[in-house]
Amino acid sequence: MKLLLHVCCAPCLIYPLEVLRSKGFEVVGLFYNPNIHPVAEYKTRRIAVENYSRQLGLEFSYPDYEPHDFFRAVNMKEEKLKRCSICWLQRLAMTARLAREMGFTHFSTTLLVSPYQDQGLLKKIGEDTAKAEGVVFFYEDFRPGFREAHNQARSKGIYCQKYCGCIYSELEAGRK
């Protein structure tokens, strides 16, 4: 079974990839994150994903970086709950569409590894976008592997970011 895996960053790729491969999936990565701001942060995260995926022999797709798509989508909806669900929908809808277009049977996301994301809402968005595109959303709670994967990333010198990605989460992190 072929699965297109939306990847938000290299550290969050570690555990889900291990689990998916152990379940027999042929995984291809997708780095689609128009939410990441500023462009230097986007480039740093992408380079980390490129380097790590090369080490693993993992094929990847990199759609164009179009941050204006994110800003248009969340305009006047910057509150955390509104913007996060819009951002997740944007990224998972693209992943589902590309999965269908590229001939994949399944798709999933590394967002499911984060203890900071709403698992129930991610699952619903994944299932809704899968239904709309005629593919299957593979859901698994990858959170048990989060800490260990991030420890591995640090020990391997893989870039670990300090905020989710968007300018709003960057500002929130700066206030803490």
Foldseek 3Di string as FASTA:
>chain_A
DEEEEEEAADLLCPQVVVVCVVVPYQYAYEDAQLQADDVVRVVLRVVLNVVVCVVVVHHYDYPDRDNVVLCVQCPVPPPPVRSVLSRLLVRLLVRLQVCLVVVHQEYEYSVLQDPPDDLVSSVVSNCVSNVVNVHYYDDDNNNVCNVVSVVVCVVVVRDDDQFSGHPSRVVVSVVD
